Amino acid sequence: MASPTKSDIIRGMFAAYQSKDRGVVERTLTDDFTFTSPYDDAIDRATYFERCWQNIERIHLFDIERIFEQGNEAFVTCRIVSDDGKEFRNTEFHRFDGDRIRSVDVYFGASYRNGVFVKQQP
């Protein structure tokens, strides 16, 4: 059986987010995983699950729009819709160690509700 592509791994990760399957996410991340976003500066795996996993519970849909992969890295843009109808896009930069994700850097896009732009507060 062939090894999964980086795109396959990313799709599996977002499917696990969609189904709220933390076990799959835990098995996909390396032990030394780090997560960076406008709110988080290279937090470790334990802090990621403590701080970020709760947000998954409020998400209704993860819709992957595109993935670009090269070597052990990939960019993914995903449209996300929350349970209350807020819609936004994130672009993420994933670095891999073999078939596991070693780090993710997230870049936020604009937010919308019912197709109308929602200005974010700093």
C-alpha atoms as a PDB file:
ATOM      1  CA  MET A   1       0.000   0.000   0.000  1.00  0.00           C
ATOM      2  CA  ALA A   2       1.368   3.404  -0.979  1.00  0.00           C
ATOM      3  CA  SER A   3       2.036   6.058   1.636  1.00  0.00           C
ATOM      4  CA  PRO A   4      -0.635   8.755   1.839  1.00  0.00           C
ATOM      5  CA  THR A   5       0.104  12.074   0.167  1.00  0.00           C
ATOM      6  CA  LYS A   6       0.330  15.235   2.239  1.00  0.00           C
ATOM      7  CA  SER A   7      -3.047  16.195   0.732  1.00  0.00           C
ATOM      8  CA  ASP A   8      -4.513  12.867   1.929  1.00  0.00           C
ATOM      9  CA  ILE A   9      -3.214  13.499   5.456  1.00  0.00           C
ATOM     10  CA  ILE A  10      -4.617  17.042   5.506  1.00  0.00           C
ATOM     11  CA  ARG A  11      -8.006  15.851   4.197  1.00  0.00           C
ATOM     12  CA  GLY A  12      -8.035  13.157   6.894  1.00  0.00           C
ATOM     13  CA  MET A  13      -7.234  15.745   9.552  1.00  0.00           C
ATOM     14  CA  PHE A  14     -10.066  18.043   8.470  1.00  0.00           C
ATOM     15  CA  ALA A  15     -12.453  15.062   8.246  1.00  0.00           C
ATOM     16  CA  ALA A  16     -11.506  14.270  11.866  1.00  0.00           C
ATOM     17  CA  TYR A  17     -12.205  17.900  12.831  1.00  0.00           C
ATOM     18  CA  GLN A  18     -15.563  17.665  11.044  1.00  0.00           C
ATOM     19  CA  SER A  19     -16.510  14.463  12.916  1.00  0.00           C
ATOM     20  CA  LYS A  20     -14.959  15.793  16.172  1.00  0.00           C
ATOM     21  CA  ASP A  21     -12.650  12.752  16.346  1.00  0.00           C
ATOM     22  CA  ARG A  22      -9.851  13.919  18.601  1.00  0.00           C
ATOM     23  CA  GLY A  23      -8.143  10.504  18.528  1.00  0.00           C
ATOM     24  CA  VAL A  24      -7.421  10.774  14.805  1.00  0.00           C
ATOM     25  CA  VAL A  25      -6.086  14.302  15.269  1.00  0.00           C
ATOM     26  CA  GLU A  26      -3.843  13.171  18.136  1.00  0.00           C
ATOM     27  CA  ARG A  27      -2.412  10.334  16.017  1.00  0.00           C
ATOM     28  CA  THR A  28      -1.796  12.716  13.096  1.00  0.00           C
ATOM     29  CA  LEU A  29       0.290  15.222  15.076  1.00  0.00           C
ATOM     30  CA  THR A  30       3.902  14.589  16.092  1.00  0.00           C
ATOM     31  CA  ASP A  31       4.803  14.606  19.783  1.00  0.00           C
ATOM     32  CA  ASP A  32       6.732  17.870  19.268  1.00  0.00           C
ATOM     33  CA  PHE A  33       3.898  19.524  17.273  1.00  0.00           C
ATOM     34  CA  THR A  34       3.620  23.339  17.403  1.00  0.00           C
ATOM     35  CA  PHE A  35       0.759  25.638  16.412  1.00  0.00           C
ATOM     36  CA  THR A  36       1.040  29.307  15.481  1.00  0.00           C
ATOM     37  CA  SER A  37      -1.765  31.763  14.703  1.00  0.00           C
ATOM     38  CA  PRO A  38      -2.440  35.460  15.268  1.00  0.00           C
ATOM     39  CA  TYR A  39      -3.352  34.399  18.831  1.00  0.00           C
ATOM     40  CA  ASP A  40      -0.746  31.692  19.493  1.00  0.00           C
ATOM     41  CA  ASP A  41       3.040  31.737  19.162  1.00  0.00           C
ATOM     42  CA  ALA A  42       4.314  28.196  18.529  1.00  0.00           C
ATOM     43  CA  ILE A  43       2.283  26.642  21.323  1.00  0.00           C
ATOM     44  CA  ASP A  44       2.987  22.994  22.045  1.00  0.00           C
ATOM     45  CA  ARG A  45       0.718  20.033  21.411  1.00  0.00           C
ATOM     46  CA  ALA A  46      -0.777  19.927  24.927  1.00  0.00           C
ATOM     47  CA  THR A  47      -1.566  23.650  24.865  1.00  0.00           C
ATOM     48  CA  TYR A  48      -3.051  23.311  21.374  1.00  0.00           C
ATOM     49  CA  PHE A  49      -5.550  20.711  22.572  1.00  0.00           C
ATOM     50  CA  GLU A  50      -6.259  22.655  25.774  1.00  0.00           C
ATOM     51  CA  ARG A  51      -6.765  26.009  24.045  1.00  0.00           C
ATOM     52  CA  CYS A  52      -7.956  25.184  20.531  1.00  0.00           C
ATOM     53  CA  TRP A  53      -9.852  21.880  20.588  1.00  0.00           C
ATOM     54  CA  GLN A  54     -12.880  23.446  22.285  1.00  0.00           C
ATOM     55  CA  ASN A  55     -13.359  25.680  19.210  1.00  0.00           C
ATOM     56  CA  ILE A  56     -13.938  22.578  17.055  1.00  0.00           C
ATOM     57  CA  GLU A  57     -17.173  21.936  18.947  1.00  0.00           C
ATOM     58  CA  ARG A  58     -18.704  25.127  17.479  1.00  0.00           C
ATOM     59  CA  ILE A  59     -17.840  24.345  13.849  1.00  0.00           C
ATOM     60  CA  HIS A  60     -20.532  23.060  11.507  1.00  0.00           C
ATOM     61  CA  LEU A  61     -18.492  22.678   8.294  1.00  0.00           C
ATOM     62  CA  PHE A  62     -14.895  22.471   7.095  1.00  0.00           C
ATOM     63  CA  ASP A  63     -14.730  22.849   3.312  1.00  0.00           C
ATOM     64  CA  ILE A  64     -11.231  22.451   1.861  1.00  0.00           C
ATOM     65  CA  GLU A  65     -10.945  24.721  -1.168  1.00  0.00           C
ATOM     66  CA  ARG A  66      -7.353  24.053  -2.208  1.00  0.00           C
ATOM     67  CA  ILE A  67      -4.170  22.329  -1.146  1.00  0.00           C
ATOM     68  CA  PHE A  68      -0.703  23.002  -2.551  1.00  0.00           C
ATOM     69  CA  GLU A  69       2.002  20.609  -1.455  1.00  0.00           C
ATOM     70  CA  GLN A  70       5.718  20.510  -2.078  1.00  0.00           C
ATOM     71  CA  GLY A  71       8.062  18.096  -0.390  1.00  0.00           C
ATOM     72  CA  ASN A  72       7.346  17.984   3.342  1.00  0.00           C
ATOM     73  CA  GLU A  73       5.192  21.125   3.340  1.00  0.00           C
ATOM     74  CA  ALA A  74       1.719  22.121   2.220  1.00  0.00           C
ATOM     75  CA  PHE A  75      -0.620  25.098   2.157  1.00  0.00           C
ATOM     76  CA  VAL A  76      -4.352  24.531   2.592  1.00  0.00           C
ATOM     77  CA  THR A  77      -7.201  27.038   2.358  1.00  0.00           C
ATOM     78  CA  CYS A  78     -10.397  26.030   4.091  1.00  0.00           C
ATOM     79  CA  ARG A  79     -13.810  27.686   4.293  1.00  0.00           C
ATOM     80  CA  ILE A  80     -15.204  27.212   7.785  1.00  0.00           C
ATOM     81  CA  VAL A  81     -18.810  27.699   8.879  1.00  0.00           C
ATOM     82  CA  SER A  82     -19.680  27.873  12.580  1.00  0.00           C
ATOM     83  CA  ASP A  83     -22.901  26.607  14.123  1.00  0.00           C
ATOM     84  CA  ASP A  84     -24.208  30.202  14.324  1.00  0.00           C
ATOM     85  CA  GLY A  85     -23.669  30.793  10.590  1.00  0.00           C
ATOM     86  CA  LYS A  86     -20.425  32.785  10.744  1.00  0.00           C
ATOM     87  CA  GLU A  87     -18.276  31.930   7.736  1.00  0.00           C
ATOM     88  CA  PHE A  88     -14.561  32.559   7.292  1.00  0.00           C
ATOM     89  CA  ARG A  89     -11.477  31.233   5.559  1.00  0.00           C
ATOM     90  CA  ASN A  90      -8.169  30.175   7.024  1.00  0.00           C
ATOM     91  CA  THR A  91      -5.017  29.418   5.127  1.00  0.00           C
ATOM     92  CA  GLU A  92      -2.677  27.072   6.928  1.00  0.00           C
ATOM     93  CA  PHE A  93       0.943  26.155   6.327  1.00  0.00           C
ATOM     94  CA  HIS A  94       1.646  22.553   7.385  1.00  0.00           C
ATOM     95  CA  ARG A  95       5.100  21.055   7.926  1.00  0.00           C
ATOM     96  CA  PHE A  96       5.404  17.281   8.068  1.00  0.00           C
ATOM     97  CA  ASP A  97       7.655  14.679   9.610  1.00  0.00           C
ATOM     98  CA  GLY A  98       6.934  11.614   7.503  1.00  0.00           C
ATOM     99  CA  ASP A  99       3.181  10.962   7.595  1.00  0.00           C
ATOM    100  CA  ARG A 100       2.562  13.169  10.622  1.00  0.00           C
ATOM    101  CA  ILE A 101       2.114  16.916  10.971  1.00  0.00           C
ATOM    102  CA  ARG A 102       4.927  18.621  12.893  1.00  0.00           C
ATOM    103  CA  SER A 103       3.635  22.217  12.791  1.00  0.00           C
ATOM    104  CA  VAL A 104       0.788  24.393  11.560  1.00  0.00           C
ATOM    105  CA  ASP A 105       0.846  28.157  11.004  1.00  0.00           C
ATOM    106  CA  VAL A 106      -2.645  29.649  10.537  1.00  0.00           C
ATOM    107  CA  TYR A 107      -3.527  32.854   8.687  1.00  0.00           C
ATOM    108  CA  PHE A 108      -7.068  34.220   9.142  1.00  0.00           C
ATOM    109  CA  GLY A 109      -9.251  35.690   6.430  1.00  0.00           C
ATOM    110  CA  ALA A 110     -12.342  37.901   6.527  1.00  0.00           C
ATOM    111  CA  SER A 111     -15.536  36.755   8.286  1.00  0.00           C
ATOM    112  CA  TYR A 112     -19.098  36.793   6.949  1.00  0.00           C
ATOM    113  CA  ARG A 113     -22.580  36.105   8.331  1.00  0.00           C
ATOM    114  CA  ASN A 114     -25.362  35.443   5.825  1.00  0.00           C
ATOM    115  CA  GLY A 115     -23.070  36.730   3.077  1.00  0.00           C
ATOM    116  CA  VAL A 116     -22.416  40.063   4.831  1.00  0.00           C
ATOM    117  CA  PHE A 117     -18.894  41.067   5.931  1.00  0.00           C
ATOM    118  CA  VAL A 118     -18.429  41.023   9.716  1.00  0.00           C
ATOM    119  CA  LYS A 119     -15.695  43.374  10.946  1.00  0.00           C
ATOM    120  CA  GLN A 120     -13.456  41.690  13.518  1.00  0.00           C
ATOM    121  CA  GLN A 121     -12.403  43.421  16.711  1.00  0.00           C
ATOM    122  CA  PRO A 122      -8.677  43.536  17.547  1.00  0.00           C
END
